[in-house]
Protein backbone atom coordinates (compact mmCIF):
# COMPACT_ATOMS: atom_id res chain seq x y z
CA UNK A 1 -24.63 26.27 -2.79
CA UNK A 2 -26.77 27.11 -5.70
CA UNK A 3 -26.80 29.95 -7.33
CA UNK A 4 -29.96 30.70 -5.83
CA UNK A 5 -29.44 30.15 -2.69
CA UNK A 6 -25.93 32.45 -2.73
CA UNK A 7 -28.77 34.74 -4.75
CA UNK A 8 -30.46 35.05 -1.06
CA UNK A 9 -27.72 35.66 0.80
CA UNK A 10 -26.62 38.83 -1.18
CA UNK A 11 -30.20 40.11 -1.31
CA UNK A 12 -30.69 39.41 2.77
CA UNK A 13 -27.47 41.03 3.01
CA UNK A 14 -28.27 44.09 1.10
CA UNK A 15 -31.63 44.55 3.50
CA UNK A 16 -29.67 43.48 6.43
CA UNK A 17 -27.24 46.64 5.83
CA UNK A 18 -29.79 49.30 5.47
CA UNK A 19 -29.47 49.48 1.36
CA UNK A 20 -32.09 49.79 -1.38
CA UNK A 21 -31.81 50.02 -4.76
CA UNK A 22 -34.61 52.34 -6.39
CA UNK A 23 -35.77 51.87 -9.51
CA UNK A 24 -33.45 54.80 -11.01
CA UNK A 25 -30.54 53.07 -9.97
CA UNK A 26 -31.57 49.76 -11.11
CA UNK A 27 -31.85 51.39 -14.87
CA UNK A 28 -28.42 53.19 -14.55
CA UNK A 29 -27.23 49.38 -13.55
CA UNK A 30 -28.02 48.30 -17.05
CA UNK A 31 -29.95 45.08 -17.44
CA UNK A 32 -26.64 42.72 -17.25
CA UNK A 33 -25.82 43.86 -13.63
CA UNK A 34 -26.01 40.38 -12.60
CA UNK A 35 -24.25 38.97 -14.98
CA UNK A 36 -20.50 38.60 -13.55
CA UNK A 37 -21.81 37.09 -10.39
CA UNK A 38 -23.89 34.41 -11.91
CA UNK A 39 -20.94 33.65 -14.42
CA UNK A 40 -18.31 33.69 -11.26
CA UNK A 41 -21.50 31.28 -9.53
CA UNK A 42 -21.27 28.83 -12.21
CA UNK A 43 -17.49 28.60 -12.56
CA UNK A 44 -17.66 27.57 -8.67
CA UNK A 45 -20.39 24.84 -9.62
CA UNK A 46 -18.65 23.55 -11.94
CA UNK A 47 -15.18 22.87 -9.76
CA UNK A 48 -16.83 21.71 -6.69
CA UNK A 49 -17.43 18.56 -5.38
CA UNK A 50 -21.24 18.06 -4.43
CA UNK A 51 -22.33 15.67 -1.48
CA UNK A 52 -25.19 13.84 -1.89
CA UNK A 53 -27.77 15.11 0.66
CA UNK A 54 -27.26 17.90 3.51
CA UNK A 55 -26.66 15.41 6.07
CA UNK A 56 -23.76 13.22 5.15
CA UNK A 57 -20.06 14.84 4.32
CA UNK A 58 -17.85 13.78 1.82
CA UNK A 59 -14.36 13.72 1.28
CA UNK A 60 -12.63 13.04 -2.03
CA UNK A 61 -8.92 12.29 -1.34
CA UNK A 62 -6.10 9.33 -3.04
CA UNK A 63 -2.97 9.93 -4.71
CA UNK A 64 -1.62 9.22 -8.31
CA UNK A 65 1.85 7.28 -8.47
CA UNK A 66 3.81 6.21 -11.04
CA UNK A 67 7.38 4.59 -11.17
CA UNK A 68 10.24 4.40 -14.38
CA UNK A 69 12.28 1.08 -13.34
CA UNK A 70 15.44 -0.36 -14.66
CA UNK A 71 16.28 -4.12 -14.35
CA UNK A 72 18.84 -6.50 -14.93
CA UNK A 73 18.46 -10.60 -13.87
CA UNK A 74 22.08 -11.22 -15.18
CA UNK A 75 21.30 -11.75 -18.78
CA UNK A 76 18.06 -9.65 -19.47
CA UNK A 77 17.27 -5.84 -18.63
CA UNK A 78 15.23 -3.42 -19.94
CA UNK A 79 13.14 -0.07 -18.56
CA UNK A 80 9.68 -0.44 -17.65
CA UNK A 81 6.86 1.76 -16.98
CA UNK A 82 4.54 0.75 -14.33
CA UNK A 83 2.45 1.60 -11.12
CA UNK A 84 3.58 1.18 -7.85
CA UNK A 85 1.35 -2.54 -7.62
CA UNK A 86 -2.18 -3.87 -6.38
CA UNK A 87 -3.00 -1.61 -3.14
CA UNK A 88 -0.45 0.95 -3.43
CA UNK A 89 -1.22 1.90 -6.77
CA UNK A 90 -3.28 5.04 -7.84
CA UNK A 91 -6.38 5.61 -6.40
CA UNK A 92 -9.37 7.39 -5.29
CA UNK A 93 -11.38 7.43 -1.73
CA UNK A 94 -14.80 8.87 -1.05
CA UNK A 95 -15.43 8.73 2.56
CA UNK A 96 -18.60 10.02 4.21
CA UNK A 97 -19.93 10.63 7.18
CA UNK A 98 -22.79 11.87 9.52
CA UNK A 99 -23.87 12.72 13.22
CA UNK A 100 -26.43 10.41 14.61
CA UNK A 101 -25.78 12.20 18.40
CA UNK A 102 -23.51 13.95 19.78
CA UNK A 103 -20.26 11.52 20.09
CA UNK A 104 -21.96 9.29 17.73
CA UNK A 105 -21.09 9.12 13.65
CA UNK A 106 -22.05 6.82 10.91
CA UNK A 107 -20.08 6.87 7.53
CA UNK A 108 -18.84 4.52 4.54
CA UNK A 109 -15.69 4.37 2.43
CA UNK A 110 -15.72 3.57 -1.46
CA UNK A 111 -11.97 2.97 -2.79
CA UNK A 112 -11.03 2.68 -6.35
CA UNK A 113 -8.15 1.57 -7.89
CA UNK A 114 -6.77 2.77 -11.11
CA UNK A 115 -4.10 -0.44 -12.35
CA UNK A 116 -2.57 0.13 -16.07
CA UNK A 117 0.61 -1.88 -15.07
CA UNK A 118 0.93 -4.13 -11.83
CA UNK A 119 4.67 -3.68 -10.44
CA UNK A 120 3.54 -6.97 -8.56
CA UNK A 121 2.77 -9.19 -11.51
CA UNK A 122 5.31 -7.56 -14.06
CA UNK A 123 8.29 -10.18 -15.32
CA UNK A 124 10.80 -10.67 -17.81
CA UNK A 125 8.11 -11.16 -20.38
CA UNK A 126 4.91 -9.26 -19.03
CA UNK A 127 5.99 -5.67 -18.75
CA UNK A 128 2.44 -4.70 -18.45
CA UNK A 129 1.48 -6.89 -15.48
CA UNK A 130 -2.29 -7.38 -14.57
CA UNK A 131 -3.89 -6.69 -11.41
CA UNK A 132 -2.71 -9.06 -8.93
CA UNK A 133 -6.24 -9.05 -6.95
CA UNK A 134 -8.73 -9.16 -10.12
CA UNK A 135 -6.73 -10.85 -12.60
CA UNK A 136 -8.03 -7.83 -14.81
CA UNK A 137 -5.45 -6.41 -17.87
CA UNK A 138 -5.88 -3.01 -16.53
CA UNK A 139 -8.68 -0.66 -15.53
CA UNK A 140 -10.64 0.47 -12.46
CA UNK A 141 -11.41 -1.51 -9.71
CA UNK A 142 -12.92 -1.68 -6.08
CA UNK A 143 -10.60 -2.18 -3.51
CA UNK A 144 -12.18 -1.28 -0.68
CA UNK A 145 -16.04 -0.69 -0.47
CA UNK A 146 -17.96 -0.70 3.60
CA UNK A 147 -20.00 1.34 6.12
CA UNK A 148 -19.14 2.52 9.80
CA UNK A 149 -20.30 2.95 12.95
CA UNK A 150 -18.12 5.10 15.59
CA UNK A 151 -18.32 6.64 19.10
CA UNK A 152 -15.91 8.65 20.39
CA UNK A 153 -15.64 6.91 23.40
CA UNK A 154 -16.29 3.06 22.46
CA UNK A 155 -14.31 2.88 18.91
CA UNK A 156 -15.62 1.86 15.14
CA UNK A 157 -16.96 -0.97 13.43
CA UNK A 158 -17.03 -1.46 9.69
CA UNK A 159 -18.66 -3.76 7.82
CA UNK A 160 -17.90 -4.85 4.06
CA UNK A 161 -14.79 -5.16 1.64
CA UNK A 162 -12.03 -3.64 3.73
CA UNK A 163 -8.23 -3.65 5.23
CA UNK A 164 -7.96 -6.45 7.66
CA UNK A 165 -6.75 -5.38 11.31
CA UNK A 166 -3.53 -6.59 10.72
CA UNK A 167 -3.05 -5.24 7.10
CA UNK A 168 0.41 -3.41 6.69
CA UNK A 169 0.44 -3.19 10.70
CA UNK A 170 4.64 -3.32 10.66
CA UNK A 171 4.81 -1.40 7.59
CA UNK A 172 2.46 1.61 8.43
CA UNK A 173 4.80 2.13 11.81
CA UNK A 174 7.76 4.05 9.35
CA UNK A 175 7.50 7.74 9.55
CA UNK A 176 10.78 8.40 7.93
CA UNK A 177 8.43 9.18 4.39
CA UNK A 178 10.43 6.56 2.40
CA UNK A 179 7.66 3.87 2.73
CA UNK A 180 6.47 4.12 -0.72
CA UNK A 181 9.62 3.51 -2.24
CA UNK A 182 11.09 0.91 0.47
CA UNK A 183 9.54 -1.84 2.40
CA UNK A 184 9.50 -4.92 2.81
CA UNK A 185 7.35 -5.89 0.31
CA UNK A 186 8.31 -7.36 -2.90
CA UNK A 187 6.34 -4.80 -4.85
CA UNK A 188 9.29 -4.07 -7.64
CA UNK A 189 10.04 -7.78 -8.32
CA UNK A 190 7.70 -10.11 -6.95
CA UNK A 191 6.89 -11.63 -10.66
CA UNK A 192 10.45 -11.64 -12.00
CA UNK A 193 12.14 -15.27 -12.56
CA UNK A 194 15.36 -15.96 -11.40
CA UNK A 195 17.83 -16.41 -14.01
CA UNK A 196 20.73 -19.30 -13.52
CA UNK A 197 24.57 -18.43 -14.16
CA UNK A 198 24.46 -20.24 -17.21
CA UNK A 199 21.94 -18.00 -18.73
CA UNK A 200 18.65 -20.35 -18.24
CA UNK A 201 15.88 -18.73 -16.70
CA UNK A 202 13.94 -21.16 -14.05
CA UNK A 203 10.11 -20.95 -13.57
CA UNK A 204 10.42 -19.53 -9.81
CA UNK A 205 9.98 -16.08 -9.26
CA UNK A 206 11.74 -13.96 -6.60
CA UNK A 207 8.45 -13.44 -4.93
CA UNK A 208 8.40 -17.14 -4.51
CA UNK A 209 11.51 -17.91 -2.96
CA UNK A 210 9.93 -17.75 0.11
CA UNK A 211 7.74 -14.81 2.50
CA UNK A 212 8.75 -11.67 2.33
CA UNK A 213 6.42 -9.46 4.59
CA UNK A 214 2.62 -8.62 5.03
CA UNK A 215 1.14 -11.74 3.63
CA UNK A 216 -2.28 -10.50 4.79
CA UNK A 217 -2.23 -7.47 2.68
CA UNK A 218 -5.53 -7.99 0.38
CA UNK A 219 -8.95 -6.11 1.50
CA UNK A 220 -11.00 -9.12 1.93
CA UNK A 221 -15.32 -9.07 2.94
CA UNK A 222 -14.75 -8.49 7.29
CA UNK A 223 -16.59 -7.39 9.83
CA UNK A 224 -13.61 -4.64 12.12
CA UNK A 225 -13.73 -3.24 15.32
CA UNK A 226 -10.59 -0.24 16.41
CA UNK A 227 -10.58 1.10 19.62
CA UNK A 228 -10.19 4.78 20.55
CA UNK A 229 -7.04 5.73 20.87
CA UNK A 230 -5.50 5.61 25.22
CA UNK A 231 -2.43 7.44 25.65
CA UNK A 232 -1.04 6.84 22.47
CA UNK A 233 -2.55 3.03 22.73
CA UNK A 234 -5.22 1.81 20.13
CA UNK A 235 -6.04 -2.23 19.32
CA UNK A 236 -7.71 -3.40 16.30
CA UNK A 237 -9.61 -7.05 15.45
CA UNK A 238 -11.36 -8.30 12.49
CA UNK A 239 -12.81 -11.42 11.54
CA UNK A 240 -14.21 -12.72 7.92
CA UNK A 241 -14.78 -15.52 5.09
CA UNK A 242 -13.87 -18.43 4.47
CA UNK A 243 -12.36 -17.89 7.48
CA UNK A 244 -9.25 -15.64 8.66
CA UNK A 245 -9.45 -13.40 12.20
CA UNK A 246 -7.06 -10.79 13.09
CA UNK A 247 -5.83 -9.03 15.83
CA UNK A 248 -3.44 -5.69 16.04
CA UNK A 249 -2.21 -3.29 18.51
CA UNK A 250 -0.43 -0.09 18.05
CA UNK A 251 1.30 2.87 20.11
CA UNK A 252 2.68 6.20 18.68
CA UNK A 253 4.16 9.11 20.97
CA UNK A 254 6.69 11.07 21.68
CA UNK A 255 9.94 10.60 24.50
CA UNK A 256 12.02 13.94 24.83
CA UNK A 257 13.30 14.59 21.48
CA UNK A 258 12.11 11.08 20.04
CA UNK A 259 9.61 10.19 17.98
CA UNK A 260 8.17 6.38 18.54
CA UNK A 261 5.62 4.18 16.82
CA UNK A 262 5.40 0.35 17.05
CA UNK A 263 2.81 -1.96 16.27
CA UNK A 264 2.10 -5.90 16.38
CA UNK A 265 -0.44 -8.28 14.96
CA UNK A 266 -1.58 -11.80 14.70
CA UNK A 267 -3.64 -13.22 11.61
CA UNK A 268 -5.04 -16.85 11.41
CA UNK A 269 -6.59 -18.15 7.70
CA UNK A 270 -8.54 -21.57 7.78
CA UNK A 271 -10.01 -22.63 5.23
CA UNK A 272 -10.45 -26.53 4.48
CA UNK A 273 -12.47 -25.63 1.63
CA UNK A 274 -9.94 -24.17 -0.37
CA UNK A 275 -11.88 -21.31 -0.90
CA UNK A 276 -9.12 -18.41 1.16
CA UNK A 277 -10.83 -14.80 0.95
CA UNK A 278 -7.04 -13.35 1.28
CA UNK A 279 -5.12 -13.91 -1.85
CA UNK A 280 -1.57 -13.35 -0.35
CA UNK A 281 -1.77 -15.50 2.16
CA UNK A 282 -1.45 -19.27 2.41
CA UNK A 283 -4.59 -21.66 3.76
CA UNK A 284 -3.78 -22.49 7.22
CA UNK A 285 -1.52 -20.72 8.43
CA UNK A 286 -0.66 -18.19 11.31
CA UNK A 287 1.05 -14.80 10.85
CA UNK A 288 2.86 -13.05 13.50
CA UNK A 289 4.54 -9.35 12.86
CA UNK A 290 5.78 -6.72 14.39
CA UNK A 291 7.48 -3.00 13.31
CA UNK A 292 9.18 -0.08 15.24
CA UNK A 293 9.93 3.36 14.46
CA UNK A 294 11.74 5.93 16.02
CA UNK A 295 13.35 9.07 15.05
CA UNK A 296 15.92 11.66 16.64
CA UNK A 297 13.56 15.40 15.76
CA UNK A 298 16.70 17.27 16.35
CA UNK A 299 18.80 15.80 13.58
CA UNK A 300 15.99 13.30 11.70
CA UNK A 301 18.26 10.47 12.37
CA UNK A 302 15.91 7.67 12.53
CA UNK A 303 15.79 4.16 11.91
CA UNK A 304 13.10 1.20 11.42
CA UNK A 305 12.73 -2.48 11.88
CA UNK A 306 10.53 -5.35 10.92
CA UNK A 307 9.70 -9.07 11.45
CA UNK A 308 7.73 -11.38 10.07
CA UNK A 309 7.01 -15.11 10.75
CA UNK A 310 4.67 -17.55 9.10
CA UNK A 311 3.33 -20.58 10.75
CA UNK A 312 2.36 -23.30 8.79
CA UNK A 313 -0.80 -25.31 10.71
CA UNK A 314 0.49 -28.54 8.72
CA UNK A 315 2.72 -30.15 10.86
CA UNK A 316 5.39 -31.23 8.26
CA UNK A 317 5.98 -27.75 7.49
CA UNK A 318 8.13 -25.19 8.86
CA UNK A 319 7.66 -21.72 9.48
CA UNK A 320 9.10 -18.72 7.11
CA UNK A 321 10.77 -15.59 8.60
CA UNK A 322 11.33 -12.20 7.28
CA UNK A 323 13.54 -9.08 8.80
CA UNK A 324 13.77 -5.86 7.55
CA UNK A 325 15.40 -2.85 8.28
CA UNK A 326 16.10 0.52 7.78
CA UNK A 327 18.05 3.61 8.52
CA UNK A 328 18.69 7.35 7.30
CA UNK A 329 18.60 10.83 7.80
CA UNK A 330 15.37 13.15 7.50
CA UNK A 331 15.99 17.06 7.36
CA UNK A 332 14.91 19.69 5.74
CA UNK A 333 17.62 20.97 3.35
CA UNK A 334 16.08 22.93 1.05
CA UNK A 335 12.46 25.02 0.68
CA UNK A 336 10.85 22.23 -0.96
CA UNK A 337 10.61 20.20 1.48
CA UNK A 338 12.39 17.35 3.85
CA UNK A 339 15.08 15.24 1.71
CA UNK A 340 15.18 11.51 2.94
CA UNK A 341 18.39 9.43 2.87
CA UNK A 342 18.44 6.15 3.81
CA UNK A 343 19.57 2.13 3.57
CA UNK A 344 17.70 -0.88 3.51
CA UNK A 345 18.03 -4.59 4.29
CA UNK A 346 16.32 -7.66 4.27
CA UNK A 347 16.53 -10.87 4.37
CA UNK A 348 13.88 -14.04 4.37
CA UNK A 349 14.06 -17.64 4.80
CA UNK A 350 11.89 -20.97 3.29
CA UNK A 351 12.22 -24.13 5.50
CA UNK A 352 10.44 -25.56 3.26
CA UNK A 353 11.74 -27.84 0.49
CA UNK A 354 10.95 -27.60 -3.45
CA UNK A 355 11.32 -28.14 -7.11
CA UNK A 356 13.02 -25.87 -9.50
CA UNK A 357 12.14 -26.62 -13.11
CA UNK A 358 12.78 -24.59 -16.31
CA UNK A 359 11.25 -21.93 -17.48
CA UNK A 360 7.58 -22.50 -18.74
CA UNK A 361 7.50 -25.90 -17.69
CA UNK A 362 6.43 -27.73 -13.84
CA UNK A 363 5.54 -30.64 -12.27
CA UNK A 364 2.75 -31.71 -14.66
CA UNK A 365 5.46 -31.80 -17.53
CA UNK A 366 8.23 -34.32 -18.47
CA UNK A 367 10.62 -34.92 -15.52
CA UNK A 368 13.67 -33.86 -17.84
CA UNK A 369 12.57 -30.35 -17.30
CA UNK A 370 12.84 -30.99 -13.62
CA UNK A 371 16.12 -28.73 -12.53
CA UNK A 372 16.30 -28.82 -8.77
CA UNK A 373 15.01 -29.89 -5.65
CA UNK A 374 16.19 -28.21 -2.41
CA UNK A 375 15.15 -28.32 1.22
CA UNK A 376 15.95 -24.59 2.39
CA UNK A 377 16.04 -21.55 0.61
CA UNK A 378 16.88 -17.88 1.22
CA UNK A 379 16.76 -14.73 -0.46
CA UNK A 380 18.66 -10.98 0.64
CA UNK A 381 17.89 -7.77 -0.35
CA UNK A 382 20.07 -4.20 -0.02
CA UNK A 383 19.23 -0.78 -1.40
CA UNK A 384 19.98 2.95 -1.19
CA UNK A 385 17.85 5.54 -1.72
CA UNK A 386 17.09 8.80 -1.83
CA UNK A 387 13.23 11.08 -1.24
CA UNK A 388 12.40 14.30 -1.81
CA UNK A 389 9.13 15.71 -0.50
CA UNK A 390 7.69 18.97 -2.61
CA UNK A 391 4.80 20.32 0.06
CA UNK A 392 3.44 22.94 -2.36
CA UNK A 393 2.25 19.94 -4.50
CA UNK A 394 1.71 17.64 -1.51
CA UNK A 395 4.11 15.15 -3.60
CA UNK A 396 7.23 12.82 -3.47
CA UNK A 397 10.22 12.09 -5.53
CA UNK A 398 12.56 9.24 -5.23
CA UNK A 399 15.51 7.18 -7.05
CA UNK A 400 16.45 3.93 -5.41
CA UNK A 401 18.97 0.96 -6.09
CA UNK A 402 18.26 -2.40 -4.81
CA UNK A 403 20.69 -5.73 -4.89
CA UNK A 404 18.27 -9.00 -4.57
CA UNK A 405 20.27 -12.46 -4.56
CA UNK A 406 18.81 -16.41 -3.72
CA UNK A 407 20.57 -19.37 -1.85
CA UNK A 408 19.00 -23.14 -2.20
CA UNK A 409 20.48 -25.44 0.32
CA UNK A 410 20.56 -29.02 0.26
CA UNK A 411 20.37 -29.02 -3.68
CA UNK A 412 20.47 -31.99 -5.65
CA UNK A 413 20.78 -32.02 -8.98
CA UNK A 414 19.75 -34.86 -11.84
CA UNK A 415 22.50 -36.73 -12.73
CA UNK A 416 25.42 -35.23 -10.20
CA UNK A 417 25.67 -32.93 -7.09
CA UNK A 418 26.74 -29.37 -7.06
CA UNK A 419 24.74 -26.43 -5.92
CA UNK A 420 22.37 -23.99 -7.79
CA UNK A 421 24.14 -21.02 -8.89
CA UNK A 422 21.82 -17.80 -10.05
CA UNK A 423 22.32 -14.04 -11.40
CA UNK A 424 21.40 -11.45 -8.82
CA UNK A 425 18.53 -9.09 -9.54
CA UNK A 426 19.17 -5.19 -10.16
CA UNK A 427 16.95 -2.06 -10.40
CA UNK A 428 17.03 1.62 -10.51
CA UNK A 429 13.90 2.95 -10.06
CA UNK A 430 12.76 6.84 -10.49
CA UNK A 431 9.25 7.35 -9.12
CA UNK A 432 6.80 10.03 -8.22
CA UNK A 433 3.35 10.12 -6.14
CA UNK A 434 1.19 13.09 -5.76
CA UNK A 435 -1.53 13.30 -3.03
CA UNK A 436 -5.02 14.85 -3.40
């Protein structure tokens, strides 16, 4: 509201109340009778987000999140300060909509992400990792930008750069309050290199052992449809360049004293041109994921589980599988907000063979750099953590410990036989996220 329109309302109120100010009264008030009011109006205008016009609303939201991580790869340790990882890092979202007809709205979303150190690309030698999705060292980038038309009865159609229908499908059913610090994506250790027991660093990263989960997690240019919710059920589908499509189904509801949520999705990427729209999901693959969450509301006891399967269209390749589970308790033990105690476990299996080289080497280097060739690989993660919510600040604090190990089957070592002995990777992380 501008100061002029507010002044007009004040004047109208005085007249409506039958009040009048004669010249003598005005003189008694002095020449600065409205100075305080004008100053207050200016303060309000300076702290108010203005909308572009009188027809389209504007909502500004987002969060800021950072974490401090101590890590140890068995031969080296350090402490890094990082963001929470691409797609989960600090961001601001501008959302607007306007009514077209009763029950029909049109709107837009502009979602910007700010990254100074991407935890997904941080390594032993790179404490400040570049943005995984853009490759830039740091800065602000466009995560989503799309428009939509929505019907209360028919659903919503969105066009532009956005999350696909299957993005984070299995993750988002987690209602424990520990979703950010504990999920099946290797946000904290993805690009760290695996170290052998003999101290030598390999060129294989922990994220490269196999498929950890949510491989369809990067926003792309697409057309998406989301249905209304019927009895707690809803469906979504999207298609985008070049080429992918996916479908998803979700349910959320309460049964007696239990809160229940479940979701499943399938996505398929076909890119014979080698120009996949999704930088996370490999070319010519199909990915199925399912997740479920249940919480006993009186006690706060909860359990969450997810499963993912990545199929390669190439008949010579095998599928990669992921299992993830988490359980704990969510209770309000103090006036700050809910406290969440949890334990987590994850296992991945890569049934495709591969080669392991010395760190800094690769398939285009001299053959002596080739250390191992394996038929199958797997990795296992277990961890514990605590989350404290602070309701008055829309904030969460967490402290967690994780331990990750890898195993390689059918190992062949040049000049001899034996197995590939690797060190575990450990981390202790303290972080916080505040919403606005």
